[in-house]
PDB file of N, CA and C in Angstrom:
ATOM      1  N   MET A   1       6.467  -3.241  -1.231  1.00  0.00           N
ATOM      2  CA  MET A   1       7.111  -3.956  -0.146  1.00  0.00           C
ATOM      3  C   MET A   1       6.593  -3.388   1.170  1.00  0.00           C
ATOM      4  N   SER A   2       6.369  -4.231   2.107  1.00  0.00           N
ATOM      5  CA  SER A   2       5.890  -3.831   3.424  1.00  0.00           C
ATOM      6  C   SER A   2       6.899  -4.277   4.479  1.00  0.00           C
ATOM      7  N   LEU A   3       7.304  -3.336   5.335  1.00  0.00           N
ATOM      8  CA  LEU A   3       8.240  -3.644   6.413  1.00  0.00           C
ATOM      9  C   LEU A   3       7.611  -3.232   7.738  1.00  0.00           C
ATOM     10  N   GLU A   4       7.928  -3.974   8.780  1.00  0.00           N
ATOM     11  CA  GLU A   4       7.360  -3.685  10.097  1.00  0.00           C
ATOM     12  C   GLU A   4       8.312  -2.871  10.944  1.00  0.00           C
ATOM     13  N   GLY A   5       7.717  -2.096  11.844  1.00  0.00           N
ATOM     14  CA  GLY A   5       8.486  -1.348  12.819  1.00  0.00           C
ATOM     15  C   GLY A   5       7.777  -1.393  14.152  1.00  0.00           C
ATOM     16  N   ASP A   6       8.351  -0.746  15.136  1.00  0.00           N
ATOM     17  CA  ASP A   6       7.745  -0.754  16.473  1.00  0.00           C
ATOM     18  C   ASP A   6       7.302   0.645  16.905  1.00  0.00           C
ATOM     19  N   TRP A   7       7.011   1.497  15.932  1.00  0.00           N
ATOM     20  CA  TRP A   7       6.460   2.834  16.153  1.00  0.00           C
ATOM     21  C   TRP A   7       7.507   3.856  16.584  1.00  0.00           C
ATOM     22  N   THR A   8       8.790   3.488  16.632  1.00  0.00           N
ATOM     23  CA  THR A   8       9.838   4.401  17.059  1.00  0.00           C
ATOM     24  C   THR A   8      10.595   4.951  15.847  1.00  0.00           C
ATOM     25  N   PRO A   9      11.254   6.107  16.018  1.00  0.00           N
ATOM     26  CA  PRO A   9      12.102   6.601  14.934  1.00  0.00           C
ATOM     27  C   PRO A   9      13.179   5.585  14.537  1.00  0.00           C
ATOM     28  N   ALA A  10      13.725   4.870  15.520  1.00  0.00           N
ATOM     29  CA  ALA A  10      14.765   3.879  15.218  1.00  0.00           C
ATOM     30  C   ALA A  10      14.246   2.800  14.275  1.00  0.00           C
ATOM     31  N   SER A  11      13.020   2.366  14.448  1.00  0.00           N
ATOM     32  CA  SER A  11      12.497   1.318  13.566  1.00  0.00           C
ATOM     33  C   SER A  11      12.218   1.850  12.162  1.00  0.00           C
ATOM     34  N   GLY A  12      11.819   3.122  12.048  1.00  0.00           N
ATOM     35  CA  GLY A  12      11.666   3.727  10.726  1.00  0.00           C
ATOM     36  C   GLY A  12      13.005   3.843  10.020  1.00  0.00           C
ATOM     37  N   TYR A  13      14.010   4.209  10.782  1.00  0.00           N
ATOM     38  CA  TYR A  13      15.377   4.301  10.260  1.00  0.00           C
ATOM     39  C   TYR A  13      15.846   2.936   9.766  1.00  0.00           C
ATOM     40  N   GLN A  14      15.671   1.909  10.588  1.00  0.00           N
ATOM     41  CA  GLN A  14      16.115   0.559  10.224  1.00  0.00           C
ATOM     42  C   GLN A  14      15.353   0.014   9.020  1.00  0.00           C
ATOM     43  N   ALA A  15      14.051   0.307   8.944  1.00  0.00           N
ATOM     44  CA  ALA A  15      13.253  -0.181   7.820  1.00  0.00           C
ATOM     45  C   ALA A  15      13.734   0.429   6.510  1.00  0.00           C
ATOM     46  N   ILE A  16      14.059   1.718   6.522  1.00  0.00           N
ATOM     47  CA  ILE A  16      14.547   2.351   5.303  1.00  0.00           C
ATOM     48  C   ILE A  16      15.922   1.806   4.930  1.00  0.00           C
ATOM     49  N   GLN A  17      16.769   1.567   5.920  1.00  0.00           N
ATOM     50  CA  GLN A  17      18.071   0.953   5.628  1.00  0.00           C
ATOM     51  C   GLN A  17      17.865  -0.389   4.931  1.00  0.00           C
ATOM     52  N   GLN A  18      16.944  -1.185   5.459  1.00  0.00           N
ATOM     53  CA  GLN A  18      16.651  -2.503   4.873  1.00  0.00           C
ATOM     54  C   GLN A  18      16.101  -2.353   3.457  1.00  0.00           C
ATOM     55  N   LEU A  19      15.197  -1.400   3.267  1.00  0.00           N
ATOM     56  CA  LEU A  19      14.608  -1.179   1.946  1.00  0.00           C
ATOM     57  C   LEU A  19      15.676  -0.739   0.944  1.00  0.00           C
ATOM     58  N   LEU A  20      16.517   0.184   1.335  1.00  0.00           N
ATOM     59  CA  LEU A  20      17.585   0.640   0.442  1.00  0.00           C
ATOM     60  C   LEU A  20      18.568  -0.484   0.129  1.00  0.00           C
ATOM     61  N   ASP A  21      18.907  -1.267   1.130  1.00  0.00           N
ATOM     62  CA  ASP A  21      19.837  -2.382   0.927  1.00  0.00           C
ATOM     63  C   ASP A  21      19.260  -3.454   0.002  1.00  0.00           C
ATOM     64  N   SER A  22      17.936  -3.560  -0.060  1.00  0.00           N
ATOM     65  CA  SER A  22      17.299  -4.574  -0.907  1.00  0.00           C
ATOM     66  C   SER A  22      17.436  -4.246  -2.392  1.00  0.00           C
ATOM     67  N   GLY A  23      17.659  -2.982  -2.701  1.00  0.00           N
ATOM     68  CA  GLY A  23      17.759  -2.579  -4.102  1.00  0.00           C
ATOM     69  C   GLY A  23      16.420  -2.408  -4.791  1.00  0.00           C
ATOM     70  N   ALA A  24      15.326  -2.613  -4.077  1.00  0.00           N
ATOM     71  CA  ALA A  24      14.000  -2.452  -4.667  1.00  0.00           C
ATOM     72  C   ALA A  24      13.767  -0.984  -5.013  1.00  0.00           C
ATOM     73  N   PRO A  25      13.281  -0.701  -6.233  1.00  0.00           N
ATOM     74  CA  PRO A  25      13.012   0.692  -6.590  1.00  0.00           C
ATOM     75  C   PRO A  25      11.760   1.197  -5.871  1.00  0.00           C
ATOM     76  N   PHE A  26      11.789   2.442  -5.416  1.00  0.00           N
ATOM     77  CA  PHE A  26      10.614   3.050  -4.794  1.00  0.00           C
ATOM     78  C   PHE A  26      10.716   4.554  -4.909  1.00  0.00           C
ATOM     79  N   SER A  27       9.569   5.207  -4.900  1.00  0.00           N
ATOM     80  CA  SER A  27       9.531   6.664  -4.994  1.00  0.00           C
ATOM     81  C   SER A  27       8.853   7.297  -3.786  1.00  0.00           C
ATOM     82  N   ALA A  28       8.235   6.472  -2.936  1.00  0.00           N
ATOM     83  CA  ALA A  28       7.522   7.009  -1.775  1.00  0.00           C
ATOM     84  C   ALA A  28       7.513   5.995  -0.647  1.00  0.00           C
ATOM     85  N   VAL A  29       7.372   6.511   0.569  1.00  0.00           N
ATOM     86  CA  VAL A  29       7.288   5.685   1.767  1.00  0.00           C
ATOM     87  C   VAL A  29       6.090   6.170   2.574  1.00  0.00           C
ATOM     88  N   PHE A  30       5.246   5.229   2.972  1.00  0.00           N
ATOM     89  CA  PHE A  30       4.119   5.521   3.848  1.00  0.00           C
ATOM     90  C   PHE A  30       4.414   4.867   5.187  1.00  0.00           C
ATOM     91  N   CYS A  31       4.493   5.678   6.236  1.00  0.00           N
ATOM     92  CA  CYS A  31       4.882   5.185   7.554  1.00  0.00           C
ATOM     93  C   CYS A  31       3.670   5.051   8.469  1.00  0.00           C
ATOM     94  N   GLY A  32       3.734   4.099   9.385  1.00  0.00           N
ATOM     95  CA  GLY A  32       2.636   3.835  10.312  1.00  0.00           C
ATOM     96  C   GLY A  32       2.397   4.951  11.313  1.00  0.00           C
ATOM     97  N   ASN A  33       3.398   5.771  11.540  1.00  0.00           N
ATOM     98  CA  ASN A  33       3.213   6.955  12.385  1.00  0.00           C
ATOM     99  C   ASN A  33       4.294   7.976  12.044  1.00  0.00           C
ATOM    100  N   ASP A  34       4.156   9.167  12.597  1.00  0.00           N
ATOM    101  CA  ASP A  34       5.097  10.242  12.296  1.00  0.00           C
ATOM    102  C   ASP A  34       6.479   9.985  12.891  1.00  0.00           C
ATOM    103  N   GLN A  35       6.547   9.286  14.013  1.00  0.00           N
ATOM    104  CA  GLN A  35       7.845   8.966  14.612  1.00  0.00           C
ATOM    105  C   GLN A  35       8.676   8.102  13.663  1.00  0.00           C
ATOM    106  N   MET A  36       8.056   7.096  13.076  1.00  0.00           N
ATOM    107  CA  MET A  36       8.775   6.241  12.136  1.00  0.00           C
ATOM    108  C   MET A  36       9.179   7.034  10.893  1.00  0.00           C
ATOM    109  N   ALA A  37       8.331   7.969  10.476  1.00  0.00           N
ATOM    110  CA  ALA A  37       8.667   8.811   9.326  1.00  0.00           C
ATOM    111  C   ALA A  37       9.915   9.648   9.620  1.00  0.00           C
ATOM    112  N   LEU A  38      10.045  10.143  10.845  1.00  0.00           N
ATOM    113  CA  LEU A  38      11.226  10.911  11.232  1.00  0.00           C
ATOM    114  C   LEU A  38      12.490  10.070  11.067  1.00  0.00           C
ATOM    115  N   GLY A  39      12.448   8.834  11.550  1.00  0.00           N
ATOM    116  CA  GLY A  39      13.591   7.942  11.393  1.00  0.00           C
ATOM    117  C   GLY A  39      13.872   7.622   9.937  1.00  0.00           C
ATOM    118  N   ALA A  40      12.811   7.437   9.154  1.00  0.00           N
ATOM    119  CA  ALA A  40      12.975   7.144   7.731  1.00  0.00           C
ATOM    120  C   ALA A  40      13.641   8.316   7.022  1.00  0.00           C
ATOM    121  N   MET A  41      13.236   9.532   7.356  1.00  0.00           N
ATOM    122  CA  MET A  41      13.826  10.719   6.743  1.00  0.00           C
ATOM    123  C   MET A  41      15.314  10.810   7.073  1.00  0.00           C
ATOM    124  N   ALA A  42      15.674  10.490   8.301  1.00  0.00           N
ATOM    125  CA  ALA A  42      17.086  10.538   8.707  1.00  0.00           C
ATOM    126  C   ALA A  42      17.906   9.517   7.926  1.00  0.00           C
ATOM    127  N   ALA A  43      17.370   8.324   7.746  1.00  0.00           N
ATOM    128  CA  ALA A  43      18.092   7.284   7.005  1.00  0.00           C
ATOM    129  C   ALA A  43      18.281   7.681   5.545  1.00  0.00           C
ATOM    130  N   LEU A  44      17.244   8.255   4.944  1.00  0.00           N
ATOM    131  CA  LEU A  44      17.362   8.688   3.555  1.00  0.00           C
ATOM    132  C   LEU A  44      18.418   9.777   3.420  1.00  0.00           C
ATOM    133  N   GLN A  45      18.380  10.745   4.325  1.00  0.00           N
ATOM    134  CA  GLN A  45      19.358  11.826   4.282  1.00  0.00           C
ATOM    135  C   GLN A  45      20.784  11.288   4.458  1.00  0.00           C
ATOM    136  N   GLU A  46      20.935  10.349   5.362  1.00  0.00           N
ATOM    137  CA  GLU A  46      22.259   9.745   5.600  1.00  0.00           C
ATOM    138  C   GLU A  46      22.814   9.079   4.347  1.00  0.00           C
ATOM    139  N   ARG A  47      21.911   8.539   3.521  1.00  0.00           N
ATOM    140  CA  ARG A  47      22.323   7.866   2.281  1.00  0.00           C
ATOM    141  C   ARG A  47      22.396   8.833   1.094  1.00  0.00           C
ATOM    142  N   GLY A  48      22.232  10.126   1.365  1.00  0.00           N
ATOM    143  CA  GLY A  48      22.356  11.121   0.299  1.00  0.00           C
ATOM    144  C   GLY A  48      21.106  11.336  -0.521  1.00  0.00           C
ATOM    145  N   LEU A  49      19.974  10.833  -0.049  1.00  0.00           N
ATOM    146  CA  LEU A  49      18.702  11.030  -0.751  1.00  0.00           C
ATOM    147  C   LEU A  49      17.945  12.186  -0.117  1.00  0.00           C
ATOM    148  N   ARG A  50      17.243  12.943  -0.961  1.00  0.00           N
ATOM    149  CA  ARG A  50      16.524  14.121  -0.486  1.00  0.00           C
ATOM    150  C   ARG A  50      15.019  13.879  -0.477  1.00  0.00           C
ATOM    151  N   VAL A  51      14.389  14.331   0.597  1.00  0.00           N
ATOM    152  CA  VAL A  51      12.930  14.298   0.720  1.00  0.00           C
ATOM    153  C   VAL A  51      12.449  15.714   0.440  1.00  0.00           C
ATOM    154  N   PRO A  52      11.568  15.916  -0.503  1.00  0.00           N
ATOM    155  CA  PRO A  52      10.855  14.974  -1.359  1.00  0.00           C
ATOM    156  C   PRO A  52      11.451  14.815  -2.756  1.00  0.00           C
ATOM    157  N   ASP A  53      12.583  15.463  -3.032  1.00  0.00           N
ATOM    158  CA  ASP A  53      13.123  15.440  -4.398  1.00  0.00           C
ATOM    159  C   ASP A  53      13.359  14.029  -4.914  1.00  0.00           C
ATOM    160  N   ASP A  54      13.902  13.156  -4.064  1.00  0.00           N
ATOM    161  CA  ASP A  54      14.182  11.783  -4.477  1.00  0.00           C
ATOM    162  C   ASP A  54      13.115  10.803  -4.001  1.00  0.00           C
ATOM    163  N   ILE A  55      12.666  10.966  -2.764  1.00  0.00           N
ATOM    164  CA  ILE A  55      11.688  10.057  -2.155  1.00  0.00           C
ATOM    165  C   ILE A  55      10.660  10.893  -1.386  1.00  0.00           C
ATOM    166  N   SER A  56       9.388  10.611  -1.607  1.00  0.00           N
ATOM    167  CA  SER A  56       8.317  11.247  -0.834  1.00  0.00           C
ATOM    168  C   SER A  56       8.061  10.440   0.428  1.00  0.00           C
ATOM    169  N   ILE A  57       7.666  11.129   1.501  1.00  0.00           N
ATOM    170  CA  ILE A  57       7.365  10.456   2.781  1.00  0.00           C
ATOM    171  C   ILE A  57       6.033  10.975   3.304  1.00  0.00           C
ATOM    172  N   VAL A  58       5.181  10.043   3.769  1.00  0.00           N
ATOM    173  CA  VAL A  58       3.917  10.379   4.420  1.00  0.00           C
ATOM    174  C   VAL A  58       3.878   9.658   5.761  1.00  0.00           C
ATOM    175  N   GLY A  59       3.519  10.380   6.799  1.00  0.00           N
ATOM    176  CA  GLY A  59       3.364   9.793   8.130  1.00  0.00           C
ATOM    177  C   GLY A  59       1.903   9.583   8.455  1.00  0.00           C
ATOM    178  N   PHE A  60       1.646   9.258   9.711  1.00  0.00           N
ATOM    179  CA  PHE A  60       0.271   9.059  10.171  1.00  0.00           C
ATOM    180  C   PHE A  60       0.203   9.461  11.629  1.00  0.00           C
ATOM    181  N   ASP A  61      -0.681  10.302  11.967  1.00  0.00           N
ATOM    182  CA  ASP A  61      -1.125  10.727  13.305  1.00  0.00           C
ATOM    183  C   ASP A  61      -0.961  12.214  13.552  1.00  0.00           C
ATOM    184  N   ASP A  62      -0.264  12.922  12.679  1.00  0.00           N
ATOM    185  CA  ASP A  62      -0.112  14.378  12.769  1.00  0.00           C
ATOM    186  C   ASP A  62       0.356  14.844  14.136  1.00  0.00           C
ATOM    187  N   MET A  63       1.473  14.291  14.594  1.00  0.00           N
ATOM    188  CA  MET A  63       2.040  14.794  15.846  1.00  0.00           C
ATOM    189  C   MET A  63       2.490  16.237  15.634  1.00  0.00           C
ATOM    190  N   PRO A  64       2.349  17.087  16.635  1.00  0.00           N
ATOM    191  CA  PRO A  64       2.640  18.516  16.457  1.00  0.00           C
ATOM    192  C   PRO A  64       4.043  18.801  15.908  1.00  0.00           C
ATOM    193  N   GLU A  65       5.024  18.001  16.294  1.00  0.00           N
ATOM    194  CA  GLU A  65       6.391  18.223  15.840  1.00  0.00           C
ATOM    195  C   GLU A  65       6.571  18.000  14.338  1.00  0.00           C
ATOM    196  N   GLY A  66       5.664  17.246  13.723  1.00  0.00           N
ATOM    197  CA  GLY A  66       5.780  16.943  12.299  1.00  0.00           C
ATOM    198  C   GLY A  66       5.823  18.177  11.420  1.00  0.00           C
ATOM    199  N   ALA A  67       5.171  19.244  11.854  1.00  0.00           N
ATOM    200  CA  ALA A  67       5.183  20.489  11.086  1.00  0.00           C
ATOM    201  C   ALA A  67       6.566  21.130  11.086  1.00  0.00           C
ATOM    202  N   TYR A  68       7.447  20.693  12.003  1.00  0.00           N
ATOM    203  CA  TYR A  68       8.776  21.290  12.140  1.00  0.00           C
ATOM    204  C   TYR A  68       9.898  20.362  11.695  1.00  0.00           C
ATOM    205  N   PHE A  69       9.546  19.165  11.153  1.00  0.00           N
ATOM    206  CA  PHE A  69      10.563  18.314  10.564  1.00  0.00           C
ATOM    207  C   PHE A  69      11.164  19.071   9.370  1.00  0.00           C
ATOM    208  N   CYS A  70      12.269  18.594   8.866  1.00  0.00           N
ATOM    209  CA  CYS A  70      12.895  19.235   7.718  1.00  0.00           C
ATOM    210  C   CYS A  70      12.998  18.222   6.588  1.00  0.00           C
ATOM    211  N   PRO A  71      12.118  18.270   5.606  1.00  0.00           N
ATOM    212  CA  PRO A  71      11.026  19.218   5.419  1.00  0.00           C
ATOM    213  C   PRO A  71       9.820  18.863   6.294  1.00  0.00           C
ATOM    214  N   PRO A  72       8.892  19.812   6.442  1.00  0.00           N
ATOM    215  CA  PRO A  72       7.673  19.525   7.212  1.00  0.00           C
ATOM    216  C   PRO A  72       6.956  18.290   6.642  1.00  0.00           C
ATOM    217  N   LEU A  73       6.482  17.435   7.531  1.00  0.00           N
ATOM    218  CA  LEU A  73       5.956  16.123   7.156  1.00  0.00           C
ATOM    219  C   LEU A  73       4.496  16.162   6.724  1.00  0.00           C
ATOM    220  N   THR A  74       4.237  15.636   5.524  1.00  0.00           N
ATOM    221  CA  THR A  74       2.865  15.360   5.099  1.00  0.00           C
ATOM    222  C   THR A  74       2.402  14.156   5.903  1.00  0.00           C
ATOM    223  N   THR A  75       1.170  14.214   6.394  1.00  0.00           N
ATOM    224  CA  THR A  75       0.707  13.164   7.300  1.00  0.00           C
ATOM    225  C   THR A  75      -0.802  13.001   7.199  1.00  0.00           C
ATOM    226  N   ILE A  76      -1.302  12.011   7.889  1.00  0.00           N
ATOM    227  CA  ILE A  76      -2.741  11.762   7.978  1.00  0.00           C
ATOM    228  C   ILE A  76      -3.171  12.083   9.410  1.00  0.00           C
ATOM    229  N   ARG A  77      -4.187  12.918   9.542  1.00  0.00           N
ATOM    230  CA  ARG A  77      -4.711  13.273  10.866  1.00  0.00           C
ATOM    231  C   ARG A  77      -5.996  12.489  11.122  1.00  0.00           C
ATOM    232  N   GLU A  78      -5.999  11.759  12.197  1.00  0.00           N
ATOM    233  CA  GLU A  78      -7.173  11.005  12.649  1.00  0.00           C
ATOM    234  C   GLU A  78      -7.793  11.776  13.810  1.00  0.00           C
ATOM    235  N   ASP A  79      -9.106  11.853  13.840  1.00  0.00           N
ATOM    236  CA  ASP A  79      -9.796  12.541  14.938  1.00  0.00           C
ATOM    237  C   ASP A  79      -9.952  11.553  16.096  1.00  0.00           C
ATOM    238  N   TYR A  80      -8.932  11.486  16.942  1.00  0.00           N
ATOM    239  CA  TYR A  80      -8.918  10.512  18.032  1.00  0.00           C
ATOM    240  C   TYR A  80      -9.985  10.800  19.084  1.00  0.00           C
ATOM    241  N   ASP A  81     -10.338  12.056  19.295  1.00  0.00           N
ATOM    242  CA  ASP A  81     -11.415  12.371  20.236  1.00  0.00           C
ATOM    243  C   ASP A  81     -12.731  11.769  19.752  1.00  0.00           C
ATOM    244  N   GLU A  82     -13.021  11.953  18.468  1.00  0.00           N
ATOM    245  CA  GLU A  82     -14.249  11.396  17.902  1.00  0.00           C
ATOM    246  C   GLU A  82     -14.200   9.871  17.888  1.00  0.00           C
ATOM    247  N   LEU A  83     -13.042   9.305  17.601  1.00  0.00           N
ATOM    248  CA  LEU A  83     -12.890   7.849  17.622  1.00  0.00           C
ATOM    249  C   LEU A  83     -13.203   7.301  19.004  1.00  0.00           C
ATOM    250  N   GLY A  84     -12.662   7.929  20.044  1.00  0.00           N
ATOM    251  CA  GLY A  84     -12.937   7.507  21.413  1.00  0.00           C
ATOM    252  C   GLY A  84     -14.408   7.650  21.762  1.00  0.00           C
ATOM    253  N   LYS A  85     -14.997   8.774  21.382  1.00  0.00           N
ATOM    254  CA  LYS A  85     -16.412   9.027  21.669  1.00  0.00           C
ATOM    255  C   LYS A  85     -17.295   7.969  21.013  1.00  0.00           C
ATOM    256  N   GLN A  86     -17.075   7.720  19.742  1.00  0.00           N
ATOM    257  CA  GLN A  86     -17.898   6.732  19.039  1.00  0.00           C
ATOM    258  C   GLN A  86     -17.660   5.318  19.570  1.00  0.00           C
ATOM    259  N   SER A  87     -16.452   5.017  19.975  1.00  0.00           N
ATOM    260  CA  SER A  87     -16.151   3.690  20.523  1.00  0.00           C
ATOM    261  C   SER A  87     -16.914   3.450  21.821  1.00  0.00           C
ATOM    262  N   VAL A  88     -16.921   4.450  22.690  1.00  0.00           N
ATOM    263  CA  VAL A  88     -17.641   4.320  23.966  1.00  0.00           C
ATOM    264  C   VAL A  88     -19.143   4.236  23.717  1.00  0.00           C
ATOM    265  N   GLU A  89     -19.656   5.069  22.823  1.00  0.00           N
ATOM    266  CA  GLU A  89     -21.092   5.017  22.504  1.00  0.00           C
ATOM    267  C   GLU A  89     -21.486   3.635  21.985  1.00  0.00           C
ATOM    268  N   TYR A  90     -20.675   3.076  21.105  1.00  0.00           N
ATOM    269  CA  TYR A  90     -20.968   1.770  20.527  1.00  0.00           C
ATOM    270  C   TYR A  90     -20.882   0.675  21.587  1.00  0.00           C
ATOM    271  N   LEU A  91     -19.892   0.740  22.438  1.00  0.00           N
ATOM    272  CA  LEU A  91     -19.744  -0.237  23.519  1.00  0.00           C
ATOM    273  C   LEU A  91     -20.959  -0.187  24.447  1.00  0.00           C
ATOM    274  N   LEU A  92     -21.377   1.013  24.826  1.00  0.00           N
ATOM    275  CA  LEU A  92     -22.560   1.149  25.691  1.00  0.00           C
ATOM    276  C   LEU A  92     -23.814   0.615  24.997  1.00  0.00           C
ATOM    277  N   GLU A  93     -23.921   0.866  23.708  1.00  0.00           N
ATOM    278  CA  GLU A  93     -25.060   0.350  22.944  1.00  0.00           C
ATOM    279  C   GLU A  93     -25.098  -1.178  22.983  1.00  0.00           C
ATOM    280  N   ILE A  94     -23.960  -1.811  22.825  1.00  0.00           N
ATOM    281  CA  ILE A  94     -23.884  -3.275  22.841  1.00  0.00           C
ATOM    282  C   ILE A  94     -24.161  -3.815  24.242  1.00  0.00           C
ATOM    283  N   ILE A  95     -23.651  -3.143  25.276  1.00  0.00           N
ATOM    284  CA  ILE A  95     -23.905  -3.576  26.657  1.00  0.00           C
ATOM    285  C   ILE A  95     -25.388  -3.467  26.988  1.00  0.00           C
ATOM    286  N   GLN A  96     -26.000  -2.364  26.584  1.00  0.00           N
ATOM    287  CA  GLN A  96     -27.412  -2.144  26.899  1.00  0.00           C
ATOM    288  C   GLN A  96     -28.343  -3.035  26.090  1.00  0.00           C
ATOM    289  N   ASN A  97     -27.925  -3.404  24.891  1.00  0.00           N
ATOM    290  CA  ASN A  97     -28.751  -4.245  24.037  1.00  0.00           C
ATOM    291  C   ASN A  97     -27.863  -5.259  23.318  1.00  0.00           C
ATOM    292  N   PRO A  98     -27.547  -6.377  23.989  1.00  0.00           N
ATOM    293  CA  PRO A  98     -26.660  -7.384  23.390  1.00  0.00           C
ATOM    294  C   PRO A  98     -27.174  -7.960  22.067  1.00  0.00           C
ATOM    295  N   GLU A  99     -28.460  -7.850  21.824  1.00  0.00           N
ATOM    296  CA  GLU A  99     -29.038  -8.388  20.590  1.00  0.00           C
ATOM    297  C   GLU A  99     -28.995  -7.378  19.439  1.00  0.00           C
ATOM    298  N   ALA A 100     -28.550  -6.176  19.702  1.00  0.00           N
ATOM    299  CA  ALA A 100     -28.498  -5.153  18.646  1.00  0.00           C
ATOM    300  C   ALA A 100     -27.583  -5.633  17.515  1.00  0.00           C
ATOM    301  N   PRO A 101     -27.978  -5.359  16.279  1.00  0.00           N
ATOM    302  CA  PRO A 101     -27.127  -5.784  15.160  1.00  0.00           C
ATOM    303  C   PRO A 101     -25.772  -5.058  15.205  1.00  0.00           C
ATOM    304  N   ARG A 102     -24.741  -5.794  14.880  1.00  0.00           N
ATOM    305  CA  ARG A 102     -23.395  -5.223  14.853  1.00  0.00           C
ATOM    306  C   ARG A 102     -23.224  -4.431  13.552  1.00  0.00           C
ATOM    307  N   HIS A 103     -22.527  -3.348  13.645  1.00  0.00           N
ATOM    308  CA  HIS A 103     -22.279  -2.560  12.450  1.00  0.00           C
ATOM    309  C   HIS A 103     -20.921  -1.857  12.553  1.00  0.00           C
ATOM    310  N   GLN A 104     -20.444  -1.484  11.425  1.00  0.00           N
ATOM    311  CA  GLN A 104     -19.150  -0.816  11.349  1.00  0.00           C
ATOM    312  C   GLN A 104     -19.373   0.693  11.299  1.00  0.00           C
ATOM    313  N   ARG A 105     -18.532   1.421  11.994  1.00  0.00           N
ATOM    314  CA  ARG A 105     -18.549   2.879  11.932  1.00  0.00           C
ATOM    315  C   ARG A 105     -17.275   3.313  11.236  1.00  0.00           C
ATOM    316  N   VAL A 106     -17.397   4.327  10.407  1.00  0.00           N
ATOM    317  CA  VAL A 106     -16.252   4.787   9.637  1.00  0.00           C
ATOM    318  C   VAL A 106     -15.983   6.254   9.951  1.00  0.00           C
ATOM    319  N   LEU A 107     -14.763   6.545  10.301  1.00  0.00           N
ATOM    320  CA  LEU A 107     -14.311   7.923  10.467  1.00  0.00           C
ATOM    321  C   LEU A 107     -13.355   8.229   9.320  1.00  0.00           C
ATOM    322  N   TYR A 108     -13.499   9.378   8.745  1.00  0.00           N
ATOM    323  CA  TYR A 108     -12.661   9.733   7.610  1.00  0.00           C
ATOM    324  C   TYR A 108     -11.512  10.630   8.073  1.00  0.00           C
ATOM    325  N   PRO A 109     -10.279  10.174   7.877  1.00  0.00           N
ATOM    326  CA  PRO A 109      -9.126  10.977   8.281  1.00  0.00           C
ATOM    327  C   PRO A 109      -8.907  12.136   7.318  1.00  0.00           C
ATOM    328  N   THR A 110      -8.018  13.023   7.700  1.00  0.00           N
ATOM    329  CA  THR A 110      -7.699  14.202   6.906  1.00  0.00           C
ATOM    330  C   THR A 110      -6.241  14.142   6.458  1.00  0.00           C
ATOM    331  N   LEU A 111      -6.011  14.396   5.194  1.00  0.00           N
ATOM    332  CA  LEU A 111      -4.654  14.504   4.687  1.00  0.00           C
ATOM    333  C   LEU A 111      -4.135  15.900   5.012  1.00  0.00           C
ATOM    334  N   VAL A 112      -3.012  15.964   5.715  1.00  0.00           N
ATOM    335  CA  VAL A 112      -2.369  17.237   6.047  1.00  0.00           C
ATOM    336  C   VAL A 112      -1.181  17.381   5.104  1.00  0.00           C
ATOM    337  N   GLU A 113      -1.343  18.214   4.095  1.00  0.00           N
ATOM    338  CA  GLU A 113      -0.315  18.367   3.071  1.00  0.00           C
ATOM    339  C   GLU A 113       0.740  19.364   3.519  1.00  0.00           C
ATOM    340  N   ARG A 114       1.972  18.873   3.562  1.00  0.00           N
ATOM    341  CA  ARG A 114       3.103  19.739   3.884  1.00  0.00           C
ATOM    342  C   ARG A 114       4.129  19.603   2.770  1.00  0.00           C
ATOM    343  N   LYS A 115       5.390  19.488   3.103  1.00  0.00           N
ATOM    344  CA  LYS A 115       6.434  19.568   2.075  1.00  0.00           C
ATOM    345  C   LYS A 115       7.216  18.280   1.842  1.00  0.00           C
ATOM    346  N   SER A 116       6.791  17.155   2.390  1.00  0.00           N
ATOM    347  CA  SER A 116       7.584  15.922   2.272  1.00  0.00           C
ATOM    348  C   SER A 116       7.158  15.030   1.103  1.00  0.00           C
ATOM    349  N   VAL A 117       6.280  15.522   0.259  1.00  0.00           N
ATOM    350  CA  VAL A 117       5.869  14.761  -0.928  1.00  0.00           C
ATOM    351  C   VAL A 117       5.966  15.641  -2.175  1.00  0.00           C
ATOM    352  N   ARG A 118       6.093  14.977  -3.294  1.00  0.00           N
ATOM    353  CA  ARG A 118       6.085  15.694  -4.573  1.00  0.00           C
ATOM    354  C   ARG A 118       5.280  14.883  -5.572  1.00  0.00           C
ATOM    355  N   ALA A 119       4.812  15.568  -6.572  1.00  0.00           N
ATOM    356  CA  ALA A 119       4.095  14.889  -7.665  1.00  0.00           C
ATOM    357  C   ALA A 119       5.105  14.172  -8.544  1.00  0.00           C
ATOM    358  N   LEU A 120       4.732  12.980  -9.008  1.00  0.00           N
ATOM    359  CA  LEU A 120       5.605  12.255  -9.937  1.00  0.00           C
ATOM    360  C   LEU A 120       5.524  12.907 -11.307  1.00  0.00           C
ATOM    361  N   ARG A 121       6.639  12.912 -11.968  1.00  0.00           N
ATOM    362  CA  ARG A 121       6.679  13.531 -13.314  1.00  0.00           C
ATOM    363  C   ARG A 121       6.230  12.554 -14.352  1.00  0.00           C
TER     364      ARG A 121
END
């Protein structure tokens, strides 16, 4: 199931409430950013569920505070400096040579393993 949010903790909280109310079984939640993961964790705790014992949570963007969530948040770290650098280089390349072939550039993110996930039994 996929639910939308607006990148805030409140939207992560509301999405988890909606997911729990639906009765759909799940063992993990992947959030669009760490802020939404924070809200999701609060909603799970409010309903008596434990992270990661009952539900695993993964965020995205590795905000510094994520290491201090309870439990510390597993997340995906994107190299935004490199993303910006490559984006500008590619834009300049296209401006300087409009006929240059278009191509995709891929940056590989890093999984930051903390304590908000568990292995399934």
